[in-house]
Amino acid sequence: MSSISIIGTGNMARTIGALAMAGGNTVEVMGRDHSKSADLAKALGGGATAGEWGAVPAGDIVIVALLSDGVVPAVVHYGDALAGKTIVDISNPFNSAADGLAHREVTSIAREVAKVAPAGAAVVKGFNTVFRHVLENGRPDIFIAGDDAQAKADVEAFIKSLGMRPLDAGGLEMAHWLEGAGVLTMGLARHGVGGWDFALGVTELSA
């Protein structure tokens, strides 16, 4: 099984953390407010721990469960503490109406993370096209994208431990299109298409 550190203490951090524990993985929670991290670790149970914000994560896989505008600054703040880690970006940079992407360039939060990540770190996009309630109650397919084959294999193994199927969309350039898929599924949800295993929902993410 995998060793996981989750940066963030919001709803997606809680959901992925609970699934990770149920799948036999070790989980560390890291948030700016250590009391929130400790509370979430206690709620997850099973030996989940609370780490210090900015310290070297205990997990080999570091899931950044923050709103899109907080992901790159968090990676910059952690700096060399993330060297050798696999960083998983689960965010969606929606515009204010959630009907388009906040960035106009053909980029992605994951690609921007890769620009600031320390040497030896690998970046994978994943979990951004799934509603939180589907993660909690279903067994959806999880799309991933990344350039490092071993990092993707490690994330795939983690996803399988959750009882879900990983689907490799290709290199990190595909993260832009996964974020676009988030916009598409938001539109579908608004127009009455519900219950799709690959659907994405806006969830509360906090540090």
N, C-alpha and C. Protein backbone atom coordinates (compact mmCIF):
# COMPACT_ATOMS: atom_id res chain seq x y z
N MET A 1 0.83 -1.19 0.00
CA MET A 1 0.00 0.00 0.00
C MET A 1 0.88 1.25 0.00
N SER A 2 0.25 2.41 -0.06
CA SER A 2 0.98 3.65 -0.24
C SER A 2 1.05 4.47 1.05
N SER A 3 2.05 5.33 1.13
CA SER A 3 2.12 6.32 2.21
C SER A 3 1.73 7.66 1.61
N ILE A 4 0.71 8.28 2.20
CA ILE A 4 0.08 9.46 1.63
C ILE A 4 0.17 10.63 2.60
N SER A 5 0.56 11.78 2.10
CA SER A 5 0.42 13.03 2.84
C SER A 5 -0.57 13.90 2.09
N ILE A 6 -1.49 14.51 2.82
CA ILE A 6 -2.50 15.37 2.22
C ILE A 6 -2.29 16.79 2.73
N ILE A 7 -2.03 17.71 1.81
CA ILE A 7 -1.91 19.12 2.18
C ILE A 7 -3.29 19.74 2.02
N GLY A 8 -3.91 20.10 3.14
CA GLY A 8 -5.27 20.63 3.13
C GLY A 8 -6.12 19.90 4.14
N THR A 9 -7.16 20.57 4.60
CA THR A 9 -8.02 19.97 5.64
C THR A 9 -9.50 20.11 5.30
N GLY A 10 -9.81 20.40 4.04
CA GLY A 10 -11.20 20.58 3.64
C GLY A 10 -11.89 19.28 3.29
N ASN A 11 -13.00 19.39 2.58
CA ASN A 11 -13.84 18.24 2.29
C ASN A 11 -13.17 17.19 1.44
N MET A 12 -12.44 17.61 0.40
CA MET A 12 -11.77 16.63 -0.43
C MET A 12 -10.63 15.96 0.34
N ALA A 13 -9.94 16.70 1.18
CA ALA A 13 -8.90 16.11 2.01
C ALA A 13 -9.50 15.04 2.91
N ARG A 14 -10.64 15.35 3.50
CA ARG A 14 -11.32 14.41 4.39
C ARG A 14 -11.77 13.16 3.61
N THR A 15 -12.35 13.37 2.44
CA THR A 15 -12.87 12.24 1.66
C THR A 15 -11.75 11.34 1.18
N ILE A 16 -10.72 11.93 0.57
CA ILE A 16 -9.61 11.12 0.08
C ILE A 16 -8.88 10.46 1.24
N GLY A 17 -8.74 11.18 2.34
CA GLY A 17 -8.09 10.60 3.51
C GLY A 17 -8.83 9.39 4.04
N ALA A 18 -10.15 9.49 4.13
CA ALA A 18 -10.95 8.37 4.62
C ALA A 18 -10.85 7.17 3.69
N LEU A 19 -10.90 7.43 2.38
CA LEU A 19 -10.77 6.34 1.42
C LEU A 19 -9.38 5.70 1.50
N ALA A 20 -8.37 6.55 1.67
CA ALA A 20 -7.00 6.03 1.76
C ALA A 20 -6.84 5.14 2.98
N MET A 21 -7.38 5.55 4.11
CA MET A 21 -7.30 4.74 5.32
C MET A 21 -8.03 3.41 5.12
N ALA A 22 -9.22 3.48 4.53
CA ALA A 22 -9.99 2.26 4.29
C ALA A 22 -9.27 1.31 3.34
N GLY A 23 -8.44 1.87 2.46
CA GLY A 23 -7.68 1.06 1.51
C GLY A 23 -6.37 0.52 2.06
N GLY A 24 -6.11 0.77 3.34
CA GLY A 24 -4.91 0.23 3.97
C GLY A 24 -3.67 1.08 3.82
N ASN A 25 -3.82 2.32 3.39
CA ASN A 25 -2.68 3.22 3.23
C ASN A 25 -2.41 3.98 4.53
N THR A 26 -1.20 4.49 4.68
CA THR A 26 -0.91 5.37 5.81
C THR A 26 -1.17 6.80 5.37
N VAL A 27 -1.71 7.62 6.28
CA VAL A 27 -2.14 8.97 5.93
C VAL A 27 -1.61 9.98 6.94
N GLU A 28 -1.06 11.07 6.39
CA GLU A 28 -0.66 12.23 7.17
C GLU A 28 -1.43 13.43 6.63
N VAL A 29 -1.93 14.27 7.53
CA VAL A 29 -2.66 15.48 7.15
C VAL A 29 -1.81 16.69 7.52
N MET A 30 -1.70 17.65 6.59
CA MET A 30 -0.90 18.84 6.83
C MET A 30 -1.70 20.08 6.44
N GLY A 31 -1.95 20.98 7.39
CA GLY A 31 -2.67 22.21 7.12
C GLY A 31 -2.02 23.38 7.82
N ARG A 32 -2.35 24.59 7.33
CA ARG A 32 -1.79 25.79 7.98
C ARG A 32 -2.19 25.87 9.45
N ASP A 33 -3.42 25.47 9.73
CA ASP A 33 -3.92 25.45 11.10
C ASP A 33 -3.71 24.04 11.64
N HIS A 34 -2.71 23.89 12.51
CA HIS A 34 -2.36 22.55 12.98
C HIS A 34 -3.51 21.90 13.75
N SER A 35 -4.32 22.72 14.42
CA SER A 35 -5.43 22.14 15.17
C SER A 35 -6.44 21.48 14.24
N LYS A 36 -6.64 22.07 13.05
CA LYS A 36 -7.53 21.45 12.06
C LYS A 36 -6.93 20.15 11.53
N SER A 37 -5.62 20.16 11.32
CA SER A 37 -4.95 18.94 10.88
C SER A 37 -5.10 17.84 11.92
N ALA A 38 -4.89 18.20 13.16
CA ALA A 38 -5.00 17.21 14.24
C ALA A 38 -6.42 16.68 14.36
N ASP A 39 -7.40 17.58 14.23
CA ASP A 39 -8.80 17.15 14.31
C ASP A 39 -9.15 16.19 13.17
N LEU A 40 -8.68 16.51 11.96
CA LEU A 40 -8.98 15.64 10.83
C LEU A 40 -8.27 14.29 10.99
N ALA A 41 -7.03 14.31 11.42
CA ALA A 41 -6.32 13.04 11.63
C ALA A 41 -7.03 12.19 12.67
N LYS A 42 -7.52 12.81 13.72
CA LYS A 42 -8.26 12.08 14.75
C LYS A 42 -9.55 11.51 14.18
N ALA A 43 -10.24 12.30 13.36
CA ALA A 43 -11.48 11.83 12.75
C ALA A 43 -11.24 10.67 11.80
N LEU A 44 -10.12 10.70 11.08
CA LEU A 44 -9.80 9.61 10.16
C LEU A 44 -9.47 8.33 10.91
N GLY A 45 -8.86 8.47 12.09
CA GLY A 45 -8.53 7.31 12.91
C GLY A 45 -7.49 6.43 12.26
N GLY A 46 -7.36 5.23 12.78
CA GLY A 46 -6.49 4.23 12.19
C GLY A 46 -5.02 4.59 12.15
N GLY A 47 -4.59 5.47 13.03
CA GLY A 47 -3.18 5.85 13.04
C GLY A 47 -2.83 7.01 12.13
N ALA A 48 -3.83 7.69 11.55
CA ALA A 48 -3.55 8.88 10.75
C ALA A 48 -2.87 9.92 11.64
N THR A 49 -1.94 10.67 11.05
CA THR A 49 -1.17 11.63 11.82
C THR A 49 -1.33 13.04 11.26
N ALA A 50 -0.95 14.01 12.06
CA ALA A 50 -0.97 15.41 11.64
C ALA A 50 0.46 15.92 11.54
N GLY A 51 0.83 16.39 10.36
CA GLY A 51 2.17 16.93 10.16
C GLY A 51 2.18 18.44 10.29
N GLU A 52 3.37 19.01 10.31
CA GLU A 52 3.53 20.45 10.41
C GLU A 52 3.55 21.08 9.03
N TRP A 53 2.85 22.18 8.87
CA TRP A 53 2.81 22.91 7.60
C TRP A 53 4.22 23.29 7.17
N GLY A 54 4.61 22.89 5.96
CA GLY A 54 5.91 23.24 5.43
C GLY A 54 7.01 22.26 5.74
N ALA A 55 6.76 21.29 6.62
CA ALA A 55 7.77 20.29 6.95
C ALA A 55 7.83 19.23 5.85
N VAL A 56 8.86 18.40 5.88
CA VAL A 56 8.97 17.32 4.90
C VAL A 56 7.81 16.35 5.09
N PRO A 57 6.98 16.15 4.08
CA PRO A 57 5.86 15.22 4.24
C PRO A 57 6.35 13.80 4.49
N ALA A 58 5.61 13.07 5.31
CA ALA A 58 5.97 11.68 5.58
C ALA A 58 5.65 10.79 4.39
N GLY A 59 4.62 11.15 3.62
CA GLY A 59 4.18 10.31 2.52
C GLY A 59 5.04 10.44 1.27
N ASP A 60 5.13 9.34 0.54
CA ASP A 60 5.80 9.39 -0.76
C ASP A 60 4.94 10.10 -1.80
N ILE A 61 3.62 9.97 -1.64
CA ILE A 61 2.67 10.67 -2.50
C ILE A 61 2.06 11.82 -1.71
N VAL A 62 2.15 13.02 -2.26
CA VAL A 62 1.66 14.22 -1.57
C VAL A 62 0.48 14.77 -2.38
N ILE A 63 -0.70 14.67 -1.82
CA ILE A 63 -1.91 15.15 -2.49
C ILE A 63 -2.19 16.56 -2.03
N VAL A 64 -2.18 17.50 -2.96
CA VAL A 64 -2.43 18.90 -2.62
C VAL A 64 -3.92 19.17 -2.80
N ALA A 65 -4.64 19.17 -1.69
CA ALA A 65 -6.10 19.32 -1.70
C ALA A 65 -6.46 20.75 -1.30
N LEU A 66 -6.10 21.68 -2.17
CA LEU A 66 -6.34 23.10 -1.94
C LEU A 66 -7.09 23.69 -3.13
N LEU A 67 -7.71 24.84 -2.93
CA LEU A 67 -8.27 25.56 -4.06
C LEU A 67 -7.17 25.91 -5.04
N SER A 68 -7.53 26.05 -6.31
CA SER A 68 -6.53 26.17 -7.37
C SER A 68 -5.54 27.30 -7.15
N ASP A 69 -6.01 28.43 -6.61
CA ASP A 69 -5.10 29.56 -6.44
C ASP A 69 -4.14 29.38 -5.27
N GLY A 70 -4.34 28.34 -4.48
CA GLY A 70 -3.43 28.09 -3.37
C GLY A 70 -2.42 26.98 -3.61
N VAL A 71 -2.56 26.28 -4.75
CA VAL A 71 -1.72 25.11 -4.98
C VAL A 71 -0.27 25.50 -5.25
N VAL A 72 -0.04 26.36 -6.24
CA VAL A 72 1.33 26.75 -6.57
C VAL A 72 2.01 27.44 -5.38
N PRO A 73 1.36 28.40 -4.70
CA PRO A 73 2.02 29.01 -3.53
C PRO A 73 2.38 27.98 -2.46
N ALA A 74 1.55 26.98 -2.26
CA ALA A 74 1.86 25.95 -1.26
C ALA A 74 3.10 25.16 -1.66
N VAL A 75 3.19 24.81 -2.93
CA VAL A 75 4.35 24.05 -3.41
C VAL A 75 5.62 24.90 -3.29
N VAL A 76 5.50 26.18 -3.60
CA VAL A 76 6.64 27.09 -3.43
C VAL A 76 7.05 27.15 -1.96
N HIS A 77 6.07 27.24 -1.07
CA HIS A 77 6.36 27.32 0.36
C HIS A 77 7.07 26.06 0.85
N TYR A 78 6.61 24.90 0.42
CA TYR A 78 7.23 23.65 0.85
C TYR A 78 8.62 23.50 0.25
N GLY A 79 8.81 23.98 -0.95
CA GLY A 79 10.14 23.97 -1.57
C GLY A 79 10.81 22.61 -1.57
N ASP A 80 12.04 22.57 -1.10
CA ASP A 80 12.83 21.35 -1.15
C ASP A 80 12.27 20.24 -0.27
N ALA A 81 11.32 20.56 0.60
CA ALA A 81 10.68 19.52 1.40
C ALA A 81 9.94 18.51 0.52
N LEU A 82 9.63 18.92 -0.73
CA LEU A 82 8.92 18.04 -1.66
C LEU A 82 9.86 17.31 -2.61
N ALA A 83 11.15 17.48 -2.45
CA ALA A 83 12.11 16.78 -3.32
C ALA A 83 11.92 15.28 -3.22
N GLY A 84 11.87 14.62 -4.36
CA GLY A 84 11.71 13.17 -4.39
C GLY A 84 10.29 12.69 -4.20
N LYS A 85 9.35 13.60 -4.01
CA LYS A 85 7.95 13.22 -3.78
C LYS A 85 7.16 13.22 -5.10
N THR A 86 6.06 12.50 -5.09
CA THR A 86 5.08 12.59 -6.17
C THR A 86 3.98 13.53 -5.71
N ILE A 87 3.83 14.65 -6.41
CA ILE A 87 2.85 15.67 -6.05
C ILE A 87 1.61 15.48 -6.91
N VAL A 88 0.47 15.31 -6.27
CA VAL A 88 -0.79 15.12 -7.00
C VAL A 88 -1.64 16.38 -6.86
N ASP A 89 -1.90 17.02 -7.97
CA ASP A 89 -2.75 18.22 -8.01
C ASP A 89 -4.17 17.79 -8.37
N ILE A 90 -5.13 18.09 -7.50
CA ILE A 90 -6.52 17.68 -7.73
C ILE A 90 -7.43 18.87 -8.03
N SER A 91 -6.83 20.04 -8.24
CA SER A 91 -7.62 21.28 -8.31
C SER A 91 -8.19 21.55 -9.69
N ASN A 92 -9.14 22.48 -9.74
CA ASN A 92 -9.72 22.98 -10.98
C ASN A 92 -9.75 24.50 -10.94
N PRO A 93 -9.08 25.15 -11.89
CA PRO A 93 -9.05 26.62 -11.92
C PRO A 93 -10.26 27.20 -12.65
N PHE A 94 -11.44 27.04 -12.06
CA PHE A 94 -12.65 27.58 -12.68
C PHE A 94 -12.67 29.10 -12.59
N ASN A 95 -13.33 29.73 -13.57
CA ASN A 95 -13.58 31.15 -13.45
C ASN A 95 -14.70 31.38 -12.44
N SER A 96 -15.08 32.63 -12.22
CA SER A 96 -16.04 32.93 -11.16
C SER A 96 -17.42 32.32 -11.40
N ALA A 97 -17.76 32.10 -12.66
CA ALA A 97 -19.06 31.50 -12.99
C ALA A 97 -18.97 29.98 -13.12
N ALA A 98 -17.78 29.44 -12.99
CA ALA A 98 -17.55 28.00 -13.13
C ALA A 98 -18.03 27.47 -14.47
N ASP A 99 -17.94 28.34 -15.51
CA ASP A 99 -18.30 27.89 -16.85
C ASP A 99 -17.12 28.01 -17.82
N GLY A 100 -15.94 28.15 -17.26
CA GLY A 100 -14.72 28.24 -18.04
C GLY A 100 -13.52 28.17 -17.11
N LEU A 101 -12.33 28.12 -17.70
CA LEU A 101 -11.11 28.08 -16.90
C LEU A 101 -10.64 29.49 -16.57
N ALA A 102 -10.03 29.64 -15.42
CA ALA A 102 -9.54 30.95 -15.00
C ALA A 102 -8.35 31.39 -15.83
N HIS A 103 -7.56 30.46 -16.32
CA HIS A 103 -6.41 30.83 -17.14
C HIS A 103 -6.76 30.72 -18.62
N ARG A 104 -6.25 31.62 -19.40
CA ARG A 104 -6.55 31.66 -20.83
C ARG A 104 -5.50 30.91 -21.65
N GLU A 105 -4.36 30.68 -21.07
CA GLU A 105 -3.31 29.96 -21.79
C GLU A 105 -3.60 28.47 -21.79
N VAL A 106 -2.93 27.77 -22.71
CA VAL A 106 -3.03 26.30 -22.72
C VAL A 106 -2.03 25.78 -21.70
N THR A 107 -2.40 25.91 -20.45
CA THR A 107 -1.58 25.44 -19.35
C THR A 107 -2.51 24.74 -18.37
N SER A 108 -2.04 24.50 -17.18
CA SER A 108 -2.84 23.88 -16.14
C SER A 108 -2.18 24.17 -14.80
N ILE A 109 -2.91 23.99 -13.73
CA ILE A 109 -2.30 24.15 -12.41
C ILE A 109 -1.16 23.16 -12.26
N ALA A 110 -1.36 21.93 -12.74
CA ALA A 110 -0.32 20.91 -12.61
C ALA A 110 0.96 21.32 -13.33
N ARG A 111 0.82 21.88 -14.53
CA ARG A 111 2.02 22.31 -15.26
C ARG A 111 2.70 23.47 -14.56
N GLU A 112 1.92 24.36 -13.96
CA GLU A 112 2.52 25.47 -13.21
C GLU A 112 3.21 24.94 -11.96
N VAL A 113 2.66 23.91 -11.34
CA VAL A 113 3.32 23.28 -10.20
C VAL A 113 4.66 22.70 -10.62
N ALA A 114 4.67 22.04 -11.78
CA ALA A 114 5.91 21.43 -12.25
C ALA A 114 7.02 22.46 -12.44
N LYS A 115 6.65 23.70 -12.77
CA LYS A 115 7.64 24.75 -12.98
C LYS A 115 8.33 25.16 -11.67
N VAL A 116 7.63 25.01 -10.55
CA VAL A 116 8.18 25.48 -9.27
C VAL A 116 8.56 24.35 -8.34
N ALA A 117 8.24 23.11 -8.71
CA ALA A 117 8.55 21.97 -7.86
C ALA A 117 10.07 21.75 -7.80
N PRO A 118 10.56 21.24 -6.69
CA PRO A 118 12.01 21.02 -6.57
C PRO A 118 12.49 19.86 -7.44
N ALA A 119 13.78 19.81 -7.66
CA ALA A 119 14.37 18.72 -8.44
C ALA A 119 14.02 17.38 -7.82
N GLY A 120 13.70 16.43 -8.66
CA GLY A 120 13.39 15.10 -8.17
C GLY A 120 11.94 14.87 -7.86
N ALA A 121 11.14 15.94 -7.80
CA ALA A 121 9.71 15.79 -7.58
C ALA A 121 9.01 15.54 -8.91
N ALA A 122 7.95 14.77 -8.88
CA ALA A 122 7.15 14.49 -10.08
C ALA A 122 5.72 14.97 -9.82
N VAL A 123 5.07 15.46 -10.86
CA VAL A 123 3.72 16.02 -10.72
C VAL A 123 2.73 15.17 -11.52
N VAL A 124 1.62 14.85 -10.88
CA VAL A 124 0.53 14.10 -11.52
C VAL A 124 -0.77 14.85 -11.29
N LYS A 125 -1.57 14.99 -12.33
CA LYS A 125 -2.92 15.53 -12.20
C LYS A 125 -3.87 14.37 -11.97
N GLY A 126 -4.81 14.53 -11.05
CA GLY A 126 -5.76 13.46 -10.82
C GLY A 126 -6.87 13.88 -9.88
N PHE A 127 -7.96 13.13 -9.87
CA PHE A 127 -9.09 13.30 -8.98
C PHE A 127 -9.89 14.57 -9.24
N ASN A 128 -9.57 15.33 -10.30
CA ASN A 128 -10.26 16.61 -10.49
C ASN A 128 -11.55 16.48 -11.29
N THR A 129 -11.86 15.32 -11.80
CA THR A 129 -13.06 15.16 -12.62
C THR A 129 -14.13 14.33 -11.92
N VAL A 130 -14.08 14.30 -10.58
CA VAL A 130 -15.00 13.45 -9.83
C VAL A 130 -15.68 14.25 -8.73
N PHE A 131 -17.00 14.14 -8.66
CA PHE A 131 -17.74 14.74 -7.56
C PHE A 131 -17.31 14.11 -6.23
N ARG A 132 -17.26 14.92 -5.20
CA ARG A 132 -16.90 14.38 -3.88
C ARG A 132 -17.87 13.30 -3.44
N HIS A 133 -19.17 13.49 -3.67
CA HIS A 133 -20.14 12.48 -3.22
C HIS A 133 -20.00 11.19 -4.00
N VAL A 134 -19.50 11.28 -5.25
CA VAL A 134 -19.26 10.06 -6.02
C VAL A 134 -18.04 9.32 -5.45
N LEU A 135 -17.03 10.08 -5.06
CA LEU A 135 -15.88 9.46 -4.41
C LEU A 135 -16.31 8.74 -3.13
N GLU A 136 -17.19 9.36 -2.39
CA GLU A 136 -17.63 8.80 -1.11
C GLU A 136 -18.48 7.56 -1.29
N ASN A 137 -19.34 7.57 -2.30
CA ASN A 137 -20.37 6.54 -2.39
C ASN A 137 -20.25 5.61 -3.60
N GLY A 138 -19.35 5.92 -4.52
CA GLY A 138 -19.25 5.11 -5.72
C GLY A 138 -17.85 4.59 -5.94
N ARG A 139 -17.63 4.02 -7.08
CA ARG A 139 -16.31 3.52 -7.47
C ARG A 139 -15.99 4.08 -8.86
N PRO A 140 -15.76 5.39 -8.95
CA PRO A 140 -15.57 6.02 -10.26
C PRO A 140 -14.20 5.72 -10.86
N ASP A 141 -14.10 5.92 -12.15
CA ASP A 141 -12.80 5.93 -12.82
C ASP A 141 -12.10 7.23 -12.49
N ILE A 142 -10.79 7.19 -12.33
CA ILE A 142 -10.00 8.38 -11.99
C ILE A 142 -9.00 8.64 -13.11
N PHE A 143 -9.17 9.75 -13.81
CA PHE A 143 -8.25 10.14 -14.87
C PHE A 143 -6.99 10.75 -14.26
N ILE A 144 -5.85 10.40 -14.82
CA ILE A 144 -4.59 10.99 -14.37
C ILE A 144 -3.77 11.42 -15.58
N ALA A 145 -2.85 12.35 -15.35
CA ALA A 145 -1.91 12.78 -16.39
C ALA A 145 -0.60 13.14 -15.73
N GLY A 146 0.50 12.82 -16.39
CA GLY A 146 1.81 13.15 -15.85
C GLY A 146 2.91 12.68 -16.76
N ASP A 147 4.11 13.19 -16.56
CA ASP A 147 5.25 12.87 -17.42
C ASP A 147 6.14 11.77 -16.87
N ASP A 148 6.06 11.51 -15.58
CA ASP A 148 6.94 10.54 -14.94
C ASP A 148 6.22 9.19 -14.83
N ALA A 149 6.73 8.19 -15.53
CA ALA A 149 6.07 6.89 -15.59
C ALA A 149 5.97 6.23 -14.22
N GLN A 150 7.03 6.31 -13.42
CA GLN A 150 7.01 5.67 -12.10
C GLN A 150 6.02 6.39 -11.17
N ALA A 151 6.00 7.72 -11.24
CA ALA A 151 5.06 8.47 -10.41
C ALA A 151 3.63 8.10 -10.76
N LYS A 152 3.34 7.99 -12.05
CA LYS A 152 1.99 7.61 -12.45
C LYS A 152 1.67 6.19 -11.99
N ALA A 153 2.64 5.28 -12.08
CA ALA A 153 2.41 3.91 -11.62
C ALA A 153 2.10 3.89 -10.12
N ASP A 154 2.81 4.72 -9.35
CA ASP A 154 2.56 4.78 -7.91
C ASP A 154 1.17 5.33 -7.61
N VAL A 155 0.77 6.37 -8.35
CA VAL A 155 -0.57 6.94 -8.15
C VAL A 155 -1.63 5.95 -8.59
N GLU A 156 -1.38 5.23 -9.66
CA GLU A 156 -2.33 4.21 -10.11
C GLU A 156 -2.52 3.14 -9.05
N ALA A 157 -1.43 2.71 -8.42
CA ALA A 157 -1.53 1.70 -7.36
C ALA A 157 -2.36 2.23 -6.19
N PHE A 158 -2.15 3.50 -5.86
CA PHE A 158 -2.94 4.11 -4.78
C PHE A 158 -4.42 4.14 -5.15
N ILE A 159 -4.74 4.55 -6.37
CA ILE A 159 -6.13 4.61 -6.81
C ILE A 159 -6.78 3.22 -6.75
N LYS A 160 -6.03 2.21 -7.16
CA LYS A 160 -6.57 0.84 -7.11
C LYS A 160 -6.84 0.41 -5.68
N SER A 161 -6.04 0.90 -4.73
CA SER A 161 -6.27 0.55 -3.32
C SER A 161 -7.58 1.13 -2.81
N LEU A 162 -8.11 2.14 -3.51
CA LEU A 162 -9.39 2.75 -3.14
C LEU A 162 -10.56 2.00 -3.78
N GLY A 163 -10.25 0.97 -4.56
CA GLY A 163 -11.29 0.23 -5.26
C GLY A 163 -11.75 0.92 -6.53
N MET A 164 -10.90 1.78 -7.08
CA MET A 164 -11.24 2.55 -8.28
C MET A 164 -10.27 2.24 -9.40
N ARG A 165 -10.65 2.57 -10.62
CA ARG A 165 -9.82 2.29 -11.78
C ARG A 165 -9.13 3.55 -12.28
N PRO A 166 -7.78 3.55 -12.31
CA PRO A 166 -7.06 4.70 -12.88
C PRO A 166 -7.05 4.62 -14.40
N LEU A 167 -7.22 5.76 -15.06
CA LEU A 167 -7.16 5.84 -16.51
C LEU A 167 -6.12 6.89 -16.88
N ASP A 168 -5.06 6.45 -17.56
CA ASP A 168 -3.94 7.31 -17.90
C ASP A 168 -4.27 8.11 -19.15
N ALA A 169 -4.36 9.44 -19.01
CA ALA A 169 -4.70 10.32 -20.13
C ALA A 169 -3.48 10.77 -20.91
N GLY A 170 -2.27 10.46 -20.41
CA GLY A 170 -1.06 10.86 -21.12
C GLY A 170 -0.16 11.75 -20.30
N GLY A 171 0.64 12.54 -21.00
CA GLY A 171 1.60 13.41 -20.34
C GLY A 171 0.96 14.59 -19.64
N LEU A 172 1.80 15.38 -18.99
CA LEU A 172 1.27 16.47 -18.16
C LEU A 172 0.55 17.53 -18.99
N GLU A 173 0.85 17.59 -20.30
CA GLU A 173 0.12 18.53 -21.15
C GLU A 173 -1.37 18.23 -21.18
N MET A 174 -1.74 16.98 -20.87
CA MET A 174 -3.15 16.60 -20.86
C MET A 174 -3.89 17.11 -19.64
N ALA A 175 -3.14 17.61 -18.64
CA ALA A 175 -3.80 18.15 -17.45
C ALA A 175 -4.70 19.33 -17.82
N HIS A 176 -4.31 20.10 -18.83
CA HIS A 176 -5.16 21.21 -19.28
C HIS A 176 -6.53 20.70 -19.72
N TRP A 177 -6.53 19.60 -20.43
CA TRP A 177 -7.78 19.07 -20.95
C TRP A 177 -8.58 18.37 -19.86
N LEU A 178 -7.90 17.83 -18.85
CA LEU A 178 -8.64 17.30 -17.70
C LEU A 178 -9.33 18.42 -16.94
N GLU A 179 -8.66 19.56 -16.83
CA GLU A 179 -9.32 20.72 -16.21
C GLU A 179 -10.51 21.17 -17.06
N GLY A 180 -10.35 21.13 -18.40
CA GLY A 180 -11.48 21.44 -19.27
C GLY A 180 -12.62 20.46 -19.11
N ALA A 181 -12.28 19.19 -18.86
CA ALA A 181 -13.31 18.19 -18.62
C ALA A 181 -14.10 18.51 -17.35
N GLY A 182 -13.41 19.15 -16.41
CA GLY A 182 -14.11 19.60 -15.21
C GLY A 182 -15.18 20.62 -15.54
N VAL A 183 -14.86 21.56 -16.43
CA VAL A 183 -15.84 22.55 -16.86
C VAL A 183 -17.01 21.87 -17.57
N LEU A 184 -16.69 20.90 -18.42
CA LEU A 184 -17.74 20.17 -19.15
C LEU A 184 -18.69 19.47 -18.19
N THR A 185 -18.16 18.78 -17.22
CA THR A 185 -19.02 18.03 -16.32
C THR A 185 -19.82 18.96 -15.40
N MET A 186 -19.26 20.14 -15.10
CA MET A 186 -20.05 21.13 -14.35
C MET A 186 -21.27 21.54 -15.17
N GLY A 187 -21.05 21.76 -16.47
CA GLY A 187 -22.17 22.11 -17.33
C GLY A 187 -23.21 21.02 -17.40
N LEU A 188 -22.76 19.77 -17.49
CA LEU A 188 -23.69 18.64 -17.50
C LEU A 188 -24.50 18.59 -16.21
N ALA A 189 -23.82 18.79 -15.09
CA ALA A 189 -24.52 18.75 -13.81
C ALA A 189 -25.57 19.85 -13.70
N ARG A 190 -25.24 21.04 -14.23
CA ARG A 190 -26.18 22.15 -14.18
C ARG A 190 -27.43 21.87 -15.00
N HIS A 191 -27.30 21.02 -16.00
CA HIS A 191 -28.41 20.77 -16.90
C HIS A 191 -29.03 19.40 -16.69
N GLY A 192 -28.93 18.94 -15.44
CA GLY A 192 -29.69 17.76 -15.04
C GLY A 192 -29.05 16.43 -15.30
N VAL A 193 -27.79 16.41 -15.73
CA VAL A 193 -27.12 15.13 -15.93
C VAL A 193 -26.40 14.80 -14.64
N GLY A 194 -26.93 13.89 -13.86
CA GLY A 194 -26.34 13.56 -12.57
C GLY A 194 -25.98 12.10 -12.48
N GLY A 195 -25.16 11.78 -11.49
CA GLY A 195 -24.84 10.41 -11.22
C GLY A 195 -23.80 9.79 -12.14
N TRP A 196 -23.14 10.61 -12.96
CA TRP A 196 -22.09 10.05 -13.82
C TRP A 196 -20.85 9.77 -12.98
N ASP A 197 -20.28 8.61 -13.14
CA ASP A 197 -19.13 8.26 -12.33
C ASP A 197 -17.95 9.19 -12.53
N PHE A 198 -17.84 9.82 -13.71
CA PHE A 198 -16.69 10.68 -13.95
C PHE A 198 -17.01 12.14 -13.67
N ALA A 199 -18.20 12.43 -13.15
CA ALA A 199 -18.61 13.82 -12.96
C ALA A 199 -17.77 14.50 -11.89
N LEU A 200 -17.61 15.79 -12.06
CA LEU A 200 -16.84 16.58 -11.12
C LEU A 200 -17.75 17.56 -10.41
N GLY A 201 -17.48 17.82 -9.13
CA GLY A 201 -18.26 18.80 -8.39
C GLY A 201 -17.37 19.79 -7.69
N VAL A 202 -17.86 20.98 -7.50
CA VAL A 202 -17.13 21.99 -6.74
C VAL A 202 -17.25 21.62 -5.27
N THR A 203 -16.15 21.47 -4.59
CA THR A 203 -16.16 21.10 -3.19
C THR A 203 -15.38 22.13 -2.39
N GLU A 204 -15.60 22.13 -1.13
CA GLU A 204 -14.88 23.07 -0.25
C GLU A 204 -13.51 22.51 0.04
N LEU A 205 -12.50 23.23 -0.32
CA LEU A 205 -11.12 22.85 -0.05
C LEU A 205 -10.50 23.96 0.79
N SER A 206 -9.83 23.60 1.84
CA SER A 206 -9.20 24.63 2.66
C SER A 206 -7.89 24.11 3.21
N ALA A 207 -7.04 25.05 3.54
CA ALA A 207 -5.76 24.66 4.14
C ALA A 207 -5.88 24.64 5.65
